[in-house]
């Protein structure tokens, strides 16, 4: 009965945190995608598709924070409402109350293993392939008069205005660049967009124009034309995207293990070991987070909630940075990433178990009370210095 009650209390903040944190993480990338693809002529549906491919990546970032914050909020509410005191009075210790939270942590760890091990690698490759297609594909015939439009990587177009009656383009400017460094500037008074005979390309026919060719050695040539004898294809043949597996972050756990055991691995074994064990360690960390969040939640009864959340956020951030540093050092061959990653997890687990046992034996005096009390006083002092907290001047 108590376990079901705890699970119901945990479900709401866990879902709410994910629904708040995940969109916040996606918003910054969404703005960048809109800005980039608007200049490249991409559609809104293309941006949404790319954003969906990014959801597993940002979900992996939000998942540990959501679990930690949900457990913290539940314990803080139980403590402040004296429900925890009542449960202790009838014989429920902190160890007994931790069972449903540890079960949720184990379930989240298994979900994280599937997310980190299989969903994220495939979605990362799908995102890169879709982004490659959008940035290298041909133009979709969308022109905004008065704006410079980047089509592919080597063509820039500007049109002063477009006649809505017949679609005639006025005051056309083209800038083309090739791989040899040659640059071609073309201007025309008018022009029209047409389909090629095989209906596979959009062509721009221009009238009354001039073309300037600039060579890498500084030489220039000029060509004038009066009729529509020059046509510029606006579509390009899309180069094939590389096969999946050249980046260890695009490989599933099974593929990483198979590559690690092969005689001629496609990548360095330390890189494969760092990626493989990094995912396993991050998944296993989900089981440790409730043990760390529960003592912080109990300490919230004697201090502000925001201070406890700040302490937890700092611990998680430092832990994540340590894992990334170990993986980076393993990539360059400085250390064995397997030993470093699992040692970091054991240190976090040992710390979490120590503070949990202290809170279980001495619930009236949490392991973080001294630190949180000091931070609480510091926050109150800084808040008192803020101008908006002062009264009106006399």
Protein backbone atom coordinates (compact mmCIF):
# COMPACT_ATOMS: atom_id res chain seq x y z
CA UNK A 1 0.00 0.00 0.00
CA UNK A 2 2.77 2.42 0.96
CA UNK A 3 4.80 1.41 -2.10
CA UNK A 4 1.90 2.16 -4.43
CA UNK A 5 1.40 5.49 -2.73
CA UNK A 6 5.06 6.36 -3.21
CA UNK A 7 4.93 5.35 -6.87
CA UNK A 8 1.85 7.52 -7.46
CA UNK A 9 3.60 10.44 -5.79
CA UNK A 10 6.69 9.87 -7.93
CA UNK A 11 4.92 9.52 -11.27
CA UNK A 12 3.62 13.09 -11.41
CA UNK A 13 6.88 15.00 -10.83
CA UNK A 14 8.80 12.56 -13.04
CA UNK A 15 6.45 13.11 -15.98
CA UNK A 16 6.18 16.84 -15.32
CA UNK A 17 9.96 17.28 -15.19
CA UNK A 18 10.45 15.44 -18.46
CA UNK A 19 7.72 17.50 -20.11
CA UNK A 20 9.39 20.70 -18.92
CA UNK A 21 13.08 19.90 -19.34
CA UNK A 22 12.92 18.17 -22.72
CA UNK A 23 11.19 21.06 -24.61
CA UNK A 24 13.56 23.53 -22.96
CA UNK A 25 16.57 21.57 -24.24
CA UNK A 26 15.04 21.27 -27.72
CA UNK A 27 14.12 24.94 -28.00
CA UNK A 28 17.69 26.19 -28.46
CA UNK A 29 18.38 23.64 -31.20
CA UNK A 30 15.01 24.41 -32.81
CA UNK A 31 15.92 28.08 -33.19
CA UNK A 32 19.28 27.20 -34.69
CA UNK A 33 17.68 24.79 -37.18
CA UNK A 34 15.08 27.34 -38.23
CA UNK A 35 17.78 29.96 -38.75
CA UNK A 36 20.00 27.65 -40.78
CA UNK A 37 17.37 25.96 -42.91
CA UNK A 38 15.53 29.20 -43.60
CA UNK A 39 18.65 30.42 -45.37
CA UNK A 40 19.03 27.11 -47.16
CA UNK A 41 15.43 27.05 -48.34
CA UNK A 42 14.33 24.26 -46.01
CA UNK A 43 10.69 23.81 -45.10
CA UNK A 44 9.12 23.77 -41.64
CA UNK A 45 8.37 20.06 -41.99
CA UNK A 46 12.09 19.41 -42.53
CA UNK A 47 12.90 21.22 -39.30
CA UNK A 48 10.31 19.21 -37.39
CA UNK A 49 11.69 15.95 -38.77
CA UNK A 50 15.22 16.88 -37.70
CA UNK A 51 13.93 17.86 -34.29
CA UNK A 52 12.24 14.48 -33.85
CA UNK A 53 15.56 12.77 -34.59
CA UNK A 54 17.11 14.84 -31.79
CA UNK A 55 14.53 13.84 -29.17
CA UNK A 56 16.41 10.66 -28.05
CA UNK A 57 19.62 12.65 -27.58
CA UNK A 58 18.04 15.30 -25.38
CA UNK A 59 15.87 12.72 -23.63
CA UNK A 60 19.08 11.02 -22.54
CA UNK A 61 20.22 14.31 -21.01
CA UNK A 62 16.88 15.01 -19.32
CA UNK A 63 16.23 11.49 -18.01
CA UNK A 64 18.76 11.44 -15.10
CA UNK A 65 17.85 14.98 -14.05
CA UNK A 66 14.13 14.15 -14.13
CA UNK A 67 14.56 11.03 -11.99
CA UNK A 68 16.75 12.82 -9.46
CA UNK A 69 14.42 15.82 -9.21
CA UNK A 70 11.28 13.66 -8.94
CA UNK A 71 12.67 11.62 -6.03
CA UNK A 72 13.91 14.81 -4.37
CA UNK A 73 10.52 16.54 -4.66
CA UNK A 74 8.62 13.54 -3.27
CA UNK A 75 10.91 13.18 -0.24
CA UNK A 76 10.92 16.93 0.37
CA UNK A 77 7.12 17.02 0.35
CA UNK A 78 6.84 13.99 2.63
CA UNK A 79 9.33 15.54 5.01
CA UNK A 80 7.79 19.01 5.09
CA UNK A 81 4.26 17.66 5.50
CA UNK A 82 5.47 15.39 8.36
CA UNK A 83 4.28 12.30 6.47
CA UNK A 84 7.78 10.89 6.72
CA UNK A 85 7.71 11.32 10.51
CA UNK A 86 4.42 9.47 10.67
CA UNK A 87 5.71 6.61 8.56
CA UNK A 88 8.77 6.34 10.76
CA UNK A 89 6.57 6.26 13.83
CA UNK A 90 4.77 3.16 12.55
CA UNK A 91 8.01 1.37 11.71
CA UNK A 92 8.90 2.43 8.15
CA UNK A 93 12.60 3.24 7.95
CA UNK A 94 14.25 5.18 5.15
CA UNK A 95 15.63 1.89 3.83
CA UNK A 96 12.13 0.41 3.64
CA UNK A 97 10.74 3.53 1.95
CA UNK A 98 13.54 3.47 -0.61
CA UNK A 99 12.33 0.23 -2.21
CA UNK A 100 9.84 1.76 -4.69
CA UNK A 101 12.35 4.48 -5.62
CA UNK A 102 15.08 1.93 -6.22
CA UNK A 103 12.67 -0.13 -8.30
CA UNK A 104 11.91 2.92 -10.42
CA UNK A 105 15.65 3.60 -10.68
CA UNK A 106 16.22 0.04 -11.89
CA UNK A 107 13.43 0.41 -14.47
CA UNK A 108 14.84 3.75 -15.62
CA UNK A 109 18.26 2.14 -15.89
CA UNK A 110 16.91 -0.54 -18.22
CA UNK A 111 15.09 2.07 -20.28
CA UNK A 112 18.28 4.16 -20.38
CA UNK A 113 20.22 1.13 -21.59
CA UNK A 114 17.86 0.78 -24.54
CA UNK A 115 17.92 4.51 -25.13
CA UNK A 116 21.70 4.96 -24.93
CA UNK A 117 22.51 1.62 -26.49
CA UNK A 118 20.19 1.46 -29.47
CA UNK A 119 17.80 4.38 -29.96
CA UNK A 120 20.32 7.22 -29.69
CA UNK A 121 22.89 5.76 -32.15
CA UNK A 122 20.26 5.13 -34.82
CA UNK A 123 18.58 8.51 -34.34
CA UNK A 124 21.95 10.29 -34.42
CA UNK A 125 22.76 8.72 -37.79
CA UNK A 126 19.25 9.48 -39.09
CA UNK A 127 19.64 13.12 -38.03
CA UNK A 128 23.01 13.47 -39.72
CA UNK A 129 21.74 11.81 -42.91
CA UNK A 130 18.65 14.03 -43.02
CA UNK A 131 20.72 17.14 -42.32
CA UNK A 132 23.13 16.14 -45.09
CA UNK A 133 20.23 15.69 -47.50
CA UNK A 134 18.74 19.08 -46.66
CA UNK A 135 22.01 20.97 -46.90
CA UNK A 136 23.10 19.28 -50.13
CA UNK A 137 19.80 18.74 -51.90
CA UNK A 138 18.48 20.97 -54.62
CA UNK A 139 16.34 24.04 -54.25
CA UNK A 140 12.58 23.71 -53.64
CA UNK A 141 11.70 26.76 -55.79
CA UNK A 142 11.00 29.01 -52.79
CA UNK A 143 12.17 32.58 -53.40
CA UNK A 144 11.81 35.47 -50.98
CA UNK A 145 12.25 38.79 -52.86
CA UNK A 146 14.84 41.03 -51.29
CA UNK A 147 16.68 38.22 -49.46
CA UNK A 148 19.87 36.34 -50.30
CA UNK A 149 19.09 32.63 -50.61
CA UNK A 150 21.80 30.03 -50.11
CA UNK A 151 21.17 27.01 -52.37
CA UNK A 152 23.46 24.15 -51.50
CA UNK A 153 26.98 25.19 -50.60
CA UNK A 154 28.13 26.95 -53.76
CA UNK A 155 25.21 29.01 -55.04
CA UNK A 156 23.70 32.23 -53.72
CA UNK A 157 20.63 33.86 -55.31
CA UNK A 158 19.02 37.25 -54.87
CA UNK A 159 15.86 38.48 -56.61
CA UNK A 160 14.61 42.02 -56.19
CA UNK A 161 10.94 41.25 -56.88
CA UNK A 162 8.64 38.67 -58.41
CA UNK A 163 5.68 39.49 -60.61
CA UNK A 164 2.64 37.75 -59.06
CA UNK A 165 0.80 37.67 -62.40
CA UNK A 166 3.18 35.56 -64.51
CA UNK A 167 5.98 34.77 -62.05
CA UNK A 168 8.62 36.84 -63.87
CA UNK A 169 11.68 37.53 -61.73
CA UNK A 170 13.26 41.00 -61.80
CA UNK A 171 16.81 42.13 -60.95
CA UNK A 172 18.42 38.72 -60.56
CA UNK A 173 21.83 38.16 -58.98
CA UNK A 174 23.70 34.83 -58.86
CA UNK A 175 27.00 33.96 -57.20
CA UNK A 176 28.46 30.56 -58.02
CA UNK A 177 31.64 28.97 -56.70
CA UNK A 178 33.30 25.75 -57.81
CA UNK A 179 35.83 23.47 -56.16
CA UNK A 180 38.72 24.99 -58.11
CA UNK A 181 38.17 28.43 -56.59
CA UNK A 182 36.55 29.96 -59.67
CA UNK A 183 33.73 32.40 -58.92
CA UNK A 184 31.00 33.36 -61.39
CA UNK A 185 28.81 36.43 -60.82
CA UNK A 186 25.70 36.74 -62.98
CA UNK A 187 23.16 39.54 -63.11
CA UNK A 188 20.05 39.76 -65.26
CA UNK A 189 17.18 42.19 -65.68
CA UNK A 190 14.50 39.50 -65.80
CA UNK A 191 14.19 35.74 -65.69
CA UNK A 192 11.86 32.79 -65.36
CA UNK A 193 11.88 29.46 -63.57
CA UNK A 194 11.16 26.47 -65.80
CA UNK A 195 11.31 22.69 -65.66
CA UNK A 196 13.90 20.86 -67.73
CA UNK A 197 12.76 18.62 -70.59
CA UNK A 198 13.11 15.48 -68.45
CA UNK A 199 11.32 17.27 -65.57
CA UNK A 200 14.11 16.46 -63.15
CA UNK A 201 15.63 19.94 -62.73
CA UNK A 202 14.49 23.49 -62.18
CA UNK A 203 16.11 25.89 -64.65
CA UNK A 204 16.47 29.62 -64.37
CA UNK A 205 16.38 31.35 -67.76
CA UNK A 206 17.68 34.91 -67.69
CA UNK A 207 17.36 37.81 -70.13
CA UNK A 208 19.46 40.95 -70.65
CA UNK A 209 22.26 40.03 -68.34
CA UNK A 210 25.97 40.04 -67.70
CA UNK A 211 28.34 37.40 -66.37
CA UNK A 212 31.72 37.99 -64.72
CA UNK A 213 34.11 35.06 -64.18
CA UNK A 214 36.86 35.46 -61.57
CA UNK A 215 39.72 32.96 -61.69
CA UNK A 216 41.87 32.06 -58.66
CA UNK A 217 44.90 33.78 -60.24
CA UNK A 218 43.03 37.10 -60.35
CA UNK A 219 42.09 37.09 -64.05
CA UNK A 220 38.55 38.11 -64.95
CA UNK A 221 36.36 37.81 -68.02
CA UNK A 222 33.02 39.38 -68.86
CA UNK A 223 30.18 38.05 -70.99
CA UNK A 224 27.01 39.89 -71.90
CA UNK A 225 23.86 38.20 -73.13
CA UNK A 226 20.57 39.58 -74.36
CA UNK A 227 18.43 36.46 -74.73
CA UNK A 228 17.71 33.45 -72.62
CA UNK A 229 20.68 31.50 -73.93
CA UNK A 230 22.10 30.86 -70.46
CA UNK A 231 20.26 28.53 -68.13
CA UNK A 232 21.30 27.77 -64.60
CA UNK A 233 20.13 24.44 -63.08
CA UNK A 234 19.01 24.95 -59.51
CA UNK A 235 18.96 21.31 -58.48
CA UNK A 236 22.03 19.31 -57.68
CA UNK A 237 22.65 15.61 -57.60
CA UNK A 238 22.63 14.65 -53.97
CA UNK A 239 25.86 12.91 -52.99
CA UNK A 240 25.35 9.67 -51.10
CA UNK A 241 25.74 9.92 -47.36
CA UNK A 242 28.33 7.69 -45.74
CA UNK A 243 27.39 4.35 -44.28
CA UNK A 244 26.64 4.09 -40.58
CA UNK A 245 29.46 2.84 -38.40
CA UNK A 246 32.33 5.24 -39.13
CA UNK A 247 31.53 7.08 -35.88
CA UNK A 248 31.41 5.06 -32.66
CA UNK A 249 28.50 7.17 -31.41
CA UNK A 250 26.37 5.82 -34.28
CA UNK A 251 27.00 2.18 -33.34
CA UNK A 252 24.69 0.18 -31.11
CA UNK A 253 25.97 -1.65 -28.06
CA UNK A 254 25.97 -4.94 -29.94
CA UNK A 255 27.92 -3.41 -32.81
CA UNK A 256 30.42 -1.83 -30.41
CA UNK A 257 31.00 -5.18 -28.73
CA UNK A 258 31.38 -7.00 -32.05
CA UNK A 259 33.77 -4.35 -33.36
CA UNK A 260 35.76 -4.50 -30.12
CA UNK A 261 36.21 -8.27 -30.48
CA UNK A 262 37.13 -8.23 -34.17
CA UNK A 263 40.74 -8.63 -35.30
CA UNK A 264 40.64 -5.44 -37.37
CA UNK A 265 38.28 -3.01 -35.62
CA UNK A 266 37.08 -0.04 -37.71
CA UNK A 267 38.13 2.33 -34.93
CA UNK A 268 40.63 2.30 -32.11
CA UNK A 269 39.80 -0.14 -29.33
CA UNK A 270 40.08 2.53 -26.66
CA UNK A 271 37.48 4.64 -28.48
CA UNK A 272 35.17 1.65 -28.74
CA UNK A 273 35.75 0.75 -25.08
CA UNK A 274 35.08 4.32 -23.96
CA UNK A 275 31.82 4.55 -25.89
CA UNK A 276 30.61 1.08 -24.86
CA UNK A 277 31.38 1.36 -21.17
CA UNK A 278 30.31 4.99 -21.06
CA UNK A 279 26.80 3.96 -22.06
CA UNK A 280 26.77 1.09 -19.56
CA UNK A 281 27.95 3.36 -16.74
CA UNK A 282 25.38 6.04 -17.52
CA UNK A 283 22.64 3.44 -17.53
CA UNK A 284 23.81 1.95 -14.22
CA UNK A 285 23.97 5.43 -12.68
CA UNK A 286 20.18 5.63 -12.78
CA UNK A 287 20.03 3.12 -9.92
CA UNK A 288 22.31 5.29 -7.77
CA UNK A 289 20.46 8.58 -8.23
CA UNK A 290 17.55 7.79 -5.86
CA UNK A 291 20.02 6.98 -3.06
CA UNK A 292 21.52 10.44 -3.52
CA UNK A 293 18.24 12.33 -3.96
CA UNK A 294 16.50 10.94 -0.87
CA UNK A 295 18.91 12.43 1.75
CA UNK A 296 18.79 15.77 -0.08
CA UNK A 297 15.00 15.66 -0.05
CA UNK A 298 14.94 15.02 3.70
CA UNK A 299 17.27 17.96 4.26
CA UNK A 300 14.80 20.25 2.46
CA UNK A 301 12.66 20.25 5.62
CA UNK A 302 15.33 22.32 7.35
CA UNK A 303 16.25 24.60 4.43
CA UNK A 304 15.01 25.94 1.12
CA UNK A 305 14.16 23.46 -1.62
CA UNK A 306 16.07 25.47 -4.20
CA UNK A 307 19.32 25.06 -2.28
CA UNK A 308 19.00 21.27 -2.23
CA UNK A 309 18.22 21.24 -5.94
CA UNK A 310 21.32 23.37 -6.53
CA UNK A 311 23.51 20.91 -4.62
CA UNK A 312 22.10 17.98 -6.57
CA UNK A 313 22.54 19.78 -9.89
CA UNK A 314 26.19 20.51 -9.09
CA UNK A 315 26.84 16.87 -8.16
CA UNK A 316 25.23 15.58 -11.37
CA UNK A 317 27.05 18.14 -13.51
CA UNK A 318 30.44 17.34 -12.00
CA UNK A 319 29.79 13.61 -12.43
CA UNK A 320 28.83 14.05 -16.07
CA UNK A 321 31.91 16.17 -16.76
CA UNK A 322 34.13 13.56 -15.12
CA UNK A 323 32.68 10.84 -17.36
CA UNK A 324 33.25 12.97 -20.46
CA UNK A 325 36.83 13.74 -19.38
CA UNK A 326 37.58 10.04 -18.86
CA UNK A 327 36.17 9.19 -22.29
CA UNK A 328 38.22 11.98 -23.90
CA UNK A 329 41.41 10.80 -22.22
CA UNK A 330 40.63 7.26 -23.32
CA UNK A 331 40.14 8.41 -26.93
CA UNK A 332 43.70 9.74 -27.05
CA UNK A 333 45.10 6.67 -25.29
CA UNK A 334 46.09 8.35 -22.03
CA UNK A 335 44.09 6.01 -19.77
CA UNK A 336 42.02 2.86 -19.96
CA UNK A 337 38.47 4.25 -20.14
CA UNK A 338 36.95 1.07 -18.74
CA UNK A 339 38.73 1.41 -15.40
CA UNK A 340 38.16 5.15 -15.18
CA UNK A 341 34.45 5.03 -15.99
CA UNK A 342 33.57 2.24 -13.60
CA UNK A 343 35.75 3.80 -10.89
CA UNK A 344 33.77 7.03 -11.24
CA UNK A 345 30.51 5.10 -10.89
CA UNK A 346 31.79 3.26 -7.81
CA UNK A 347 32.85 6.56 -6.22
CA UNK A 348 29.41 8.06 -6.84
CA UNK A 349 27.71 4.91 -5.54
CA UNK A 350 29.92 4.83 -2.45
CA UNK A 351 29.20 8.48 -1.73
CA UNK A 352 25.45 8.00 -2.25
CA UNK A 353 25.34 4.92 -0.02
CA UNK A 354 27.32 6.71 2.72
CA UNK A 355 25.00 9.73 2.87
CA UNK A 356 21.95 7.45 2.61
CA UNK A 357 23.08 5.35 5.57
CA UNK A 358 23.79 8.48 7.59
CA UNK A 359 20.31 9.82 6.87
CA UNK A 360 18.78 6.44 7.70
CA UNK A 361 20.52 6.26 11.07
CA UNK A 362 20.19 9.95 11.91
CA UNK A 363 17.10 11.32 10.13
CA UNK A 364 17.10 14.34 12.42
CA UNK A 365 20.55 15.37 11.09
CA UNK A 366 21.11 14.82 7.39
CA UNK A 367 24.52 14.37 5.82
CA UNK A 368 24.06 17.51 3.73
CA UNK A 369 22.64 19.70 6.50
CA UNK A 370 25.85 21.64 7.14
CA UNK A 371 26.51 22.35 3.47
CA UNK A 372 22.89 23.22 2.70
CA UNK A 373 22.61 25.46 5.77
CA UNK A 374 25.70 27.37 4.66
CA UNK A 375 24.37 27.73 1.11
CA UNK A 376 20.98 28.73 2.46
CA UNK A 377 22.53 31.59 4.43
CA UNK A 378 24.60 32.60 1.41
CA UNK A 379 21.54 32.69 -0.84
CA UNK A 380 19.59 34.71 1.73
CA UNK A 381 22.46 37.18 2.06
CA UNK A 382 22.82 37.63 -1.72
CA UNK A 383 19.04 38.00 -2.10
CA UNK A 384 19.09 40.72 0.54
CA UNK A 385 21.61 42.69 -1.52
CA UNK A 386 19.42 42.74 -4.63
CA UNK A 387 17.83 46.14 -5.38
CA UNK A 388 14.33 44.72 -5.84
CA UNK A 389 14.39 43.32 -2.30
CA UNK A 390 15.02 46.74 -0.75
CA UNK A 391 12.27 49.07 0.27
CA UNK A 392 11.62 52.43 -1.43
CA UNK A 393 14.11 55.14 -0.77
CA UNK A 394 12.99 57.77 1.79
